[in-house]
């Protein structure tokens, strides 16, 4: 059985911890779009810091990874269940960066 949007939102909020505000919308492509915002940090002007990730690339994991990095960097003493996955989030980020670098290098070789 597929979980409802509100059930997914509640689960994500629990994982993200007390500093997070989690909202899940449905995008134009009918995929879930995950938005996690910080209740204490601001980004541009008065808007809260947030991450906004569509579901196509496993939006839940992408949003939670970015939120975990924010917590680790900006709120070092904070507690949240998602912080247990920080090593895996760092590994995924490293793999994405390596793929981008390898892809860029391969494209440059094929162009030349």
N, C-alpha and C. Protein backbone atom coordinates (compact mmCIF):
# COMPACT_ATOMS: atom_id res chain seq x y z
N UNK A 1 0.83 -1.17 0.00
CA UNK A 1 0.00 0.00 0.00
C UNK A 1 0.88 1.25 0.00
N UNK A 2 0.56 2.21 -0.84
CA UNK A 2 1.33 3.43 -0.97
C UNK A 2 0.91 4.40 0.13
N UNK A 3 1.90 5.01 0.77
CA UNK A 3 1.61 5.96 1.85
C UNK A 3 1.07 7.26 1.27
N UNK A 4 0.16 7.86 1.99
CA UNK A 4 -0.41 9.14 1.55
C UNK A 4 0.63 10.25 1.69
N UNK A 5 0.35 11.36 1.05
CA UNK A 5 1.25 12.51 1.13
C UNK A 5 1.39 12.97 2.57
N UNK A 6 0.30 13.03 3.31
CA UNK A 6 0.38 13.49 4.70
C UNK A 6 1.18 12.51 5.57
N UNK A 7 1.04 11.22 5.31
CA UNK A 7 1.83 10.23 6.06
C UNK A 7 3.31 10.37 5.75
N UNK A 8 3.64 10.59 4.48
CA UNK A 8 5.04 10.80 4.10
C UNK A 8 5.59 12.07 4.74
N UNK A 9 4.75 13.10 4.78
CA UNK A 9 5.15 14.37 5.38
C UNK A 9 5.45 14.19 6.87
N UNK A 10 4.59 13.47 7.57
CA UNK A 10 4.80 13.22 8.99
C UNK A 10 6.08 12.42 9.22
N UNK A 11 6.31 11.39 8.42
CA UNK A 11 7.52 10.57 8.55
C UNK A 11 8.76 11.41 8.31
N UNK A 12 8.75 12.23 7.26
CA UNK A 12 9.89 13.09 6.95
C UNK A 12 10.14 14.09 8.07
N UNK A 13 9.06 14.63 8.64
CA UNK A 13 9.21 15.60 9.74
C UNK A 13 9.86 14.96 10.96
N UNK A 14 9.48 13.74 11.26
CA UNK A 14 10.09 13.03 12.39
C UNK A 14 11.57 12.80 12.11
N UNK A 15 11.91 12.34 10.91
CA UNK A 15 13.31 12.10 10.54
C UNK A 15 14.14 13.38 10.59
N UNK A 16 13.54 14.50 10.17
CA UNK A 16 14.28 15.76 10.08
C UNK A 16 14.51 16.41 11.44
N UNK A 17 13.69 16.11 12.42
CA UNK A 17 13.89 16.65 13.75
C UNK A 17 13.14 17.94 14.02
N UNK A 18 13.29 18.46 15.24
CA UNK A 18 12.47 19.60 15.67
C UNK A 18 12.77 20.93 15.00
N UNK A 19 13.94 21.12 14.42
CA UNK A 19 14.26 22.39 13.75
C UNK A 19 13.65 22.49 12.35
N UNK A 20 13.19 21.38 11.84
CA UNK A 20 12.70 21.34 10.45
C UNK A 20 11.21 21.59 10.34
N UNK A 21 10.86 22.16 9.21
CA UNK A 21 9.47 22.26 8.79
C UNK A 21 9.40 21.54 7.45
N UNK A 22 8.58 20.51 7.35
CA UNK A 22 8.53 19.69 6.14
C UNK A 22 7.19 19.87 5.45
N UNK A 23 7.25 20.05 4.15
CA UNK A 23 6.04 20.16 3.34
C UNK A 23 6.26 19.36 2.07
N UNK A 24 5.25 18.61 1.67
CA UNK A 24 5.32 17.85 0.43
C UNK A 24 4.20 18.35 -0.48
N UNK A 25 4.58 18.80 -1.65
CA UNK A 25 3.62 19.23 -2.66
C UNK A 25 3.61 18.19 -3.78
N UNK A 26 2.69 18.34 -4.69
CA UNK A 26 2.67 17.50 -5.89
C UNK A 26 3.00 18.42 -7.06
N UNK A 27 4.07 18.06 -7.79
CA UNK A 27 4.52 18.87 -8.91
C UNK A 27 3.67 18.69 -10.15
N UNK A 28 4.00 19.45 -11.18
CA UNK A 28 3.26 19.39 -12.45
C UNK A 28 3.31 18.00 -13.07
N UNK A 29 4.38 17.25 -12.79
CA UNK A 29 4.53 15.90 -13.33
C UNK A 29 3.89 14.83 -12.43
N UNK A 30 3.11 15.28 -11.44
CA UNK A 30 2.42 14.41 -10.50
C UNK A 30 3.36 13.65 -9.57
N UNK A 31 4.60 14.12 -9.43
CA UNK A 31 5.57 13.54 -8.49
C UNK A 31 5.57 14.37 -7.21
N UNK A 32 5.90 13.75 -6.10
CA UNK A 32 6.02 14.49 -4.85
C UNK A 32 7.23 15.42 -4.92
N UNK A 33 7.08 16.61 -4.36
CA UNK A 33 8.16 17.58 -4.26
C UNK A 33 8.35 17.85 -2.77
N UNK A 34 9.55 17.56 -2.27
CA UNK A 34 9.85 17.68 -0.85
C UNK A 34 10.49 19.02 -0.56
N UNK A 35 9.97 19.73 0.44
CA UNK A 35 10.55 20.99 0.87
C UNK A 35 10.80 20.90 2.37
N UNK A 36 12.06 21.07 2.75
CA UNK A 36 12.43 21.07 4.16
C UNK A 36 13.00 22.45 4.44
N UNK A 37 12.46 23.13 5.43
CA UNK A 37 12.96 24.45 5.78
C UNK A 37 13.38 24.46 7.25
N UNK A 38 14.27 25.40 7.56
CA UNK A 38 14.82 25.54 8.91
C UNK A 38 14.00 26.57 9.68
N UNK A 39 13.65 26.25 10.89
CA UNK A 39 12.84 27.15 11.69
C UNK A 39 13.64 28.30 12.28
N UNK A 40 14.98 28.25 12.19
CA UNK A 40 15.79 29.32 12.78
C UNK A 40 16.67 30.08 11.79
N UNK A 41 17.05 29.48 10.68
CA UNK A 41 17.97 30.12 9.74
C UNK A 41 17.21 30.83 8.62
N UNK A 42 17.79 31.92 8.15
CA UNK A 42 17.22 32.62 7.01
C UNK A 42 18.20 32.56 5.85
N UNK A 43 17.66 32.62 4.66
CA UNK A 43 18.49 32.60 3.45
C UNK A 43 18.54 34.01 2.88
N UNK A 44 17.73 34.28 1.89
CA UNK A 44 17.68 35.60 1.27
C UNK A 44 16.67 36.46 2.01
N UNK A 45 17.15 37.53 2.59
CA UNK A 45 16.24 38.43 3.29
C UNK A 45 15.60 37.78 4.49
N UNK A 46 14.30 37.69 4.49
CA UNK A 46 13.56 37.18 5.63
C UNK A 46 13.08 35.74 5.44
N UNK A 47 13.33 35.15 4.26
CA UNK A 47 12.83 33.80 4.00
C UNK A 47 13.67 32.76 4.73
N UNK A 48 13.02 31.71 5.24
CA UNK A 48 13.79 30.66 5.91
C UNK A 48 14.66 29.87 4.93
N UNK A 49 15.79 29.38 5.43
CA UNK A 49 16.63 28.50 4.62
C UNK A 49 15.78 27.27 4.30
N UNK A 50 15.88 26.79 3.06
CA UNK A 50 15.12 25.59 2.72
C UNK A 50 15.78 24.86 1.55
N UNK A 51 15.40 23.61 1.42
CA UNK A 51 15.78 22.81 0.27
C UNK A 51 14.50 22.33 -0.39
N UNK A 52 14.50 22.31 -1.70
CA UNK A 52 13.30 21.99 -2.47
C UNK A 52 13.72 20.97 -3.52
N UNK A 53 13.25 19.75 -3.39
CA UNK A 53 13.69 18.69 -4.29
C UNK A 53 12.50 17.92 -4.85
N UNK A 54 12.44 17.81 -6.19
CA UNK A 54 11.37 17.01 -6.81
C UNK A 54 11.62 15.52 -6.61
N UNK A 55 10.58 14.74 -6.75
CA UNK A 55 10.65 13.31 -6.48
C UNK A 55 11.30 12.48 -7.56
N UNK A 56 11.55 13.03 -8.73
CA UNK A 56 12.11 12.27 -9.83
C UNK A 56 13.45 11.63 -9.52
N UNK A 57 14.28 12.31 -8.75
CA UNK A 57 15.61 11.78 -8.42
C UNK A 57 15.64 11.28 -6.98
N UNK A 58 14.54 10.67 -6.55
CA UNK A 58 14.35 10.28 -5.16
C UNK A 58 14.43 11.53 -4.30
N UNK A 59 13.47 12.40 -4.48
CA UNK A 59 13.41 13.69 -3.81
C UNK A 59 13.52 13.61 -2.31
N UNK A 60 12.98 12.55 -1.70
CA UNK A 60 13.08 12.42 -0.25
C UNK A 60 14.54 12.34 0.16
N UNK A 61 15.30 11.47 -0.48
CA UNK A 61 16.71 11.31 -0.11
C UNK A 61 17.50 12.58 -0.40
N UNK A 62 17.26 13.20 -1.54
CA UNK A 62 17.98 14.42 -1.90
C UNK A 62 17.69 15.53 -0.90
N UNK A 63 16.43 15.71 -0.55
CA UNK A 63 16.07 16.76 0.41
C UNK A 63 16.63 16.46 1.79
N UNK A 64 16.52 15.21 2.22
CA UNK A 64 17.02 14.86 3.55
C UNK A 64 18.54 14.94 3.62
N UNK A 65 19.22 14.57 2.54
CA UNK A 65 20.68 14.71 2.52
C UNK A 65 21.06 16.18 2.70
N UNK A 66 20.44 17.05 1.93
CA UNK A 66 20.76 18.48 2.01
C UNK A 66 20.42 19.02 3.39
N UNK A 67 19.29 18.61 3.96
CA UNK A 67 18.91 19.04 5.30
C UNK A 67 19.93 18.54 6.32
N UNK A 68 20.39 17.31 6.18
CA UNK A 68 21.37 16.74 7.10
C UNK A 68 22.67 17.55 7.05
N UNK A 69 23.10 17.92 5.84
CA UNK A 69 24.30 18.75 5.72
C UNK A 69 24.09 20.10 6.40
N UNK A 70 22.91 20.69 6.25
CA UNK A 70 22.60 21.97 6.89
C UNK A 70 22.68 21.83 8.41
N UNK A 71 22.05 20.79 8.94
CA UNK A 71 22.09 20.57 10.39
C UNK A 71 23.52 20.40 10.88
N UNK A 72 24.28 19.60 10.19
CA UNK A 72 25.66 19.33 10.59
C UNK A 72 26.50 20.60 10.59
N UNK A 73 26.33 21.44 9.58
CA UNK A 73 27.13 22.66 9.45
C UNK A 73 26.63 23.81 10.32
N UNK A 74 25.32 24.01 10.37
CA UNK A 74 24.77 25.20 11.02
C UNK A 74 24.26 24.97 12.44
N UNK A 75 23.97 23.74 12.79
CA UNK A 75 23.41 23.42 14.11
C UNK A 75 24.13 22.21 14.69
N UNK A 76 25.44 22.34 14.99
CA UNK A 76 26.24 21.18 15.39
C UNK A 76 25.74 20.42 16.61
N UNK A 77 25.02 21.03 17.51
CA UNK A 77 24.54 20.32 18.69
C UNK A 77 23.13 19.76 18.54
N UNK A 78 22.53 19.99 17.39
CA UNK A 78 21.14 19.57 17.18
C UNK A 78 21.03 18.05 17.14
N UNK A 79 19.85 17.59 17.51
CA UNK A 79 19.58 16.16 17.45
C UNK A 79 18.43 15.92 16.48
N UNK A 80 18.62 14.97 15.60
CA UNK A 80 17.58 14.58 14.64
C UNK A 80 17.92 13.18 14.15
N UNK A 81 16.92 12.32 13.96
CA UNK A 81 17.19 10.97 13.49
C UNK A 81 17.98 10.93 12.18
N UNK A 82 17.77 11.90 11.29
CA UNK A 82 18.45 11.89 9.99
C UNK A 82 19.96 12.03 10.12
N UNK A 83 20.45 12.57 11.23
CA UNK A 83 21.90 12.73 11.40
C UNK A 83 22.62 11.38 11.47
N UNK A 84 21.89 10.33 11.78
CA UNK A 84 22.50 8.98 11.79
C UNK A 84 22.95 8.58 10.39
N UNK A 85 22.35 9.21 9.37
CA UNK A 85 22.66 8.86 7.98
C UNK A 85 23.66 9.82 7.34
N UNK A 86 24.29 10.68 8.14
CA UNK A 86 25.25 11.64 7.60
C UNK A 86 26.37 10.98 6.81
N UNK A 87 27.00 9.90 7.28
CA UNK A 87 28.06 9.27 6.49
C UNK A 87 27.57 8.80 5.11
N UNK A 88 26.36 8.24 5.06
CA UNK A 88 25.83 7.79 3.78
C UNK A 88 25.52 8.98 2.86
N UNK A 89 25.03 10.07 3.44
CA UNK A 89 24.74 11.28 2.66
C UNK A 89 26.04 11.85 2.08
N UNK A 90 27.09 11.85 2.87
CA UNK A 90 28.39 12.33 2.39
C UNK A 90 28.92 11.44 1.28
N UNK A 91 28.73 10.13 1.41
CA UNK A 91 29.17 9.20 0.38
C UNK A 91 28.42 9.45 -0.93
N UNK A 92 27.09 9.64 -0.85
CA UNK A 92 26.29 9.91 -2.05
C UNK A 92 26.73 11.22 -2.72
N UNK A 93 27.01 12.24 -1.91
CA UNK A 93 27.46 13.51 -2.46
C UNK A 93 28.80 13.33 -3.17
N UNK A 94 29.71 12.60 -2.55
CA UNK A 94 31.02 12.34 -3.15
C UNK A 94 30.87 11.58 -4.48
N UNK A 95 29.98 10.58 -4.51
CA UNK A 95 29.75 9.82 -5.73
C UNK A 95 29.17 10.70 -6.84
N UNK A 96 28.21 11.58 -6.50
CA UNK A 96 27.64 12.49 -7.50
C UNK A 96 28.69 13.43 -8.06
N UNK A 97 29.55 13.93 -7.19
CA UNK A 97 30.61 14.84 -7.65
C UNK A 97 31.60 14.11 -8.56
N UNK A 98 31.94 12.88 -8.20
CA UNK A 98 32.85 12.09 -9.05
C UNK A 98 32.22 11.82 -10.41
N UNK A 99 30.93 11.49 -10.43
CA UNK A 99 30.24 11.22 -11.70
C UNK A 99 30.22 12.46 -12.57
N UNK A 100 29.97 13.62 -11.96
CA UNK A 100 29.97 14.87 -12.72
C UNK A 100 31.34 15.15 -13.31
N UNK A 101 32.39 14.97 -12.49
CA UNK A 101 33.74 15.20 -12.95
C UNK A 101 34.12 14.23 -14.06
N UNK A 102 33.79 12.97 -13.89
CA UNK A 102 34.09 11.96 -14.90
C UNK A 102 33.31 12.24 -16.17
N UNK A 103 32.05 12.60 -16.03
CA UNK A 103 31.22 12.93 -17.20
C UNK A 103 31.75 14.14 -17.92
N UNK A 104 32.19 15.16 -17.20
CA UNK A 104 32.74 16.37 -17.82
C UNK A 104 34.03 16.07 -18.54
N UNK A 105 34.87 15.24 -17.96
CA UNK A 105 36.14 14.87 -18.57
C UNK A 105 35.90 14.07 -19.83
N UNK A 106 34.96 13.10 -19.79
CA UNK A 106 34.66 12.28 -20.95
C UNK A 106 34.04 13.14 -22.07
N UNK A 107 33.19 14.09 -21.73
CA UNK A 107 32.61 14.96 -22.75
C UNK A 107 33.66 15.84 -23.40
N UNK A 108 34.60 16.33 -22.60
CA UNK A 108 35.66 17.19 -23.13
C UNK A 108 36.53 16.39 -24.10
N UNK A 109 36.82 15.14 -23.78
CA UNK A 109 37.64 14.29 -24.66
C UNK A 109 36.92 14.02 -25.98
N UNK A 110 35.63 13.77 -25.92
CA UNK A 110 34.89 13.44 -27.14
C UNK A 110 34.68 14.68 -28.04
N UNK A 111 34.72 15.87 -27.44
CA UNK A 111 34.58 17.10 -28.21
C UNK A 111 35.88 17.47 -28.92
N UNK A 112 37.01 17.06 -28.36
CA UNK A 112 38.30 17.50 -28.86
C UNK A 112 38.84 16.61 -29.87
